[in-house]
Amino acid sequence: MREWMVVILFLGIVFILGCSPSPVQLEKFAVCLKEKGAVMYGAYWCPHCQEQKQMFGESFSKLDYVECEIDTQRCAVEEIAYLPTWKFKDNTSVSKVMPLEELAEKTGCGLG
């Protein structure tokens, strides 16, 4: 019985890891988001912004990101009231941590 539990646990871990985008996929995804006009507004002190950044790992540097603590004027002009806020080419915005799947659906960028 114990062996079955170990096998099931192992298969679950393999499934979860297999469903996560690879660093190469994340980089392509981040580049696509930038090309499609998606912009993330955030601040270094914002825990939700940090959570969003961690979803991209090192690929976060490929995104169009505005640090509202530095570019306060742009954030004011864009009327950024909540962080993080994503703005899209179709003039819509979403103020929350967006799952990668939602970003993909919104922009048409593929995750895999």
Protein backbone atom coordinates (compact mmCIF):
# COMPACT_ATOMS: atom_id res chain seq x y z
CA MET A 1 0.00 0.00 0.00
CA ARG A 2 2.79 2.39 0.88
CA GLU A 3 4.48 1.79 -2.50
CA TRP A 4 1.29 2.92 -4.28
CA MET A 5 1.20 6.13 -2.31
CA VAL A 6 4.82 6.86 -3.28
CA VAL A 7 4.03 6.14 -6.95
CA ILE A 8 0.94 8.38 -6.88
CA LEU A 9 2.90 11.17 -5.18
CA PHE A 10 5.70 10.85 -7.74
CA LEU A 11 3.26 10.96 -10.67
CA GLY A 12 1.57 14.02 -9.18
CA ILE A 13 4.88 15.86 -8.93
CA VAL A 14 5.79 14.89 -12.50
CA PHE A 15 2.37 16.12 -13.71
CA ILE A 16 2.71 19.46 -11.91
CA LEU A 17 6.25 20.04 -13.17
CA GLY A 18 5.22 19.02 -16.67
CA CYS A 19 2.45 21.61 -16.68
CA SER A 20 4.68 24.52 -15.66
CA PRO A 21 6.13 26.56 -18.53
CA SER A 22 9.87 26.16 -19.05
CA PRO A 23 12.17 29.19 -18.83
CA VAL A 24 12.36 29.26 -22.65
CA GLN A 25 8.55 29.20 -22.92
CA LEU A 26 8.27 31.97 -20.31
CA GLU A 27 10.77 34.11 -22.21
CA LYS A 28 8.86 33.70 -25.48
CA PHE A 29 5.62 34.45 -23.64
CA ALA A 30 7.05 37.62 -22.05
CA VAL A 31 8.37 38.83 -25.41
CA CYS A 32 4.97 38.19 -27.00
CA LEU A 33 3.20 40.13 -24.23
CA LYS A 34 5.47 43.10 -24.91
CA GLU A 35 4.90 42.83 -28.67
CA LYS A 36 1.13 42.73 -28.08
CA GLY A 37 1.29 45.95 -26.05
CA ALA A 38 0.72 44.54 -22.55
CA VAL A 39 2.26 46.75 -19.85
CA MET A 40 2.53 45.95 -16.15
CA TYR A 41 2.55 48.82 -13.65
CA GLY A 42 3.89 48.04 -10.20
CA ALA A 43 6.16 49.03 -7.35
CA TYR A 44 9.12 47.35 -5.67
CA TRP A 45 7.39 47.43 -2.26
CA CYS A 46 4.14 45.83 -3.49
CA PRO A 47 3.87 42.15 -2.43
CA HIS A 48 1.33 41.40 -5.17
CA CYS A 49 3.69 42.88 -7.75
CA GLN A 50 6.46 40.64 -6.44
CA GLU A 51 4.12 37.65 -6.75
CA GLN A 52 3.39 38.56 -10.38
CA LYS A 53 7.10 39.04 -11.12
CA GLN A 54 7.94 35.62 -9.66
CA MET A 55 5.56 33.95 -12.11
CA PHE A 56 7.90 35.05 -14.91
CA GLY A 57 11.19 34.35 -13.17
CA GLU A 58 14.16 35.76 -15.08
CA SER A 59 11.91 36.39 -18.09
CA PHE A 60 10.28 39.28 -16.25
CA SER A 61 13.00 41.53 -17.68
CA LYS A 62 11.52 40.95 -21.16
CA LEU A 63 8.17 42.51 -20.19
CA ASP A 64 7.16 46.13 -20.60
CA TYR A 65 7.17 47.12 -16.91
CA VAL A 66 6.69 50.54 -15.34
CA GLU A 67 8.01 51.04 -11.81
CA CYS A 68 5.56 53.54 -10.33
CA GLU A 69 7.97 54.58 -7.58
CA ILE A 70 10.34 55.85 -10.26
CA ASP A 71 8.02 56.87 -13.10
CA THR A 72 5.37 58.54 -10.93
CA GLN A 73 4.27 60.89 -13.69
CA ARG A 74 3.51 58.09 -16.15
CA CYS A 75 1.57 56.17 -13.50
CA ALA A 76 -0.41 59.33 -12.68
CA VAL A 77 -1.18 59.99 -16.36
CA GLU A 78 -2.26 56.35 -16.79
CA GLU A 79 -4.42 56.73 -13.65
CA ILE A 80 -2.89 53.72 -11.91
CA ALA A 81 -4.76 53.39 -8.62
CA TYR A 82 -4.02 49.75 -7.69
CA LEU A 83 -0.95 47.59 -8.06
CA PRO A 84 -0.22 45.57 -10.02
CA THR A 85 -2.18 46.90 -12.98
CA TRP A 86 -1.93 45.48 -16.48
CA LYS A 87 -2.86 47.71 -19.41
CA PHE A 88 -3.54 46.25 -22.84
CA LYS A 89 -3.50 47.49 -26.41
CA ASP A 90 -7.33 47.44 -26.56
CA ASN A 91 -7.34 50.16 -23.83
CA THR A 92 -8.57 47.77 -21.14
CA SER A 93 -6.84 47.27 -17.81
CA VAL A 94 -6.86 44.68 -15.04
CA SER A 95 -5.74 45.51 -11.50
CA LYS A 96 -4.71 42.22 -9.89
CA VAL A 97 -2.15 39.46 -10.05
CA MET A 98 -3.06 37.82 -13.36
CA PRO A 99 -2.50 34.10 -13.80
CA LEU A 100 -0.36 33.40 -16.85
CA GLU A 101 -3.27 31.58 -18.47
CA GLU A 102 -5.44 34.74 -18.21
CA LEU A 103 -2.67 36.85 -19.71
CA ALA A 104 -2.38 34.35 -22.55
CA GLU A 105 -6.13 34.42 -23.18
CA LYS A 106 -6.29 38.22 -23.04
CA THR A 107 -3.39 38.77 -25.44
CA GLY A 108 -3.41 35.70 -27.66
CA CYS A 109 0.15 34.85 -26.61
CA GLY A 110 0.86 31.15 -26.22
CA LEU A 111 2.37 29.61 -23.12
CA GLY A 112 3.76 26.52 -24.77
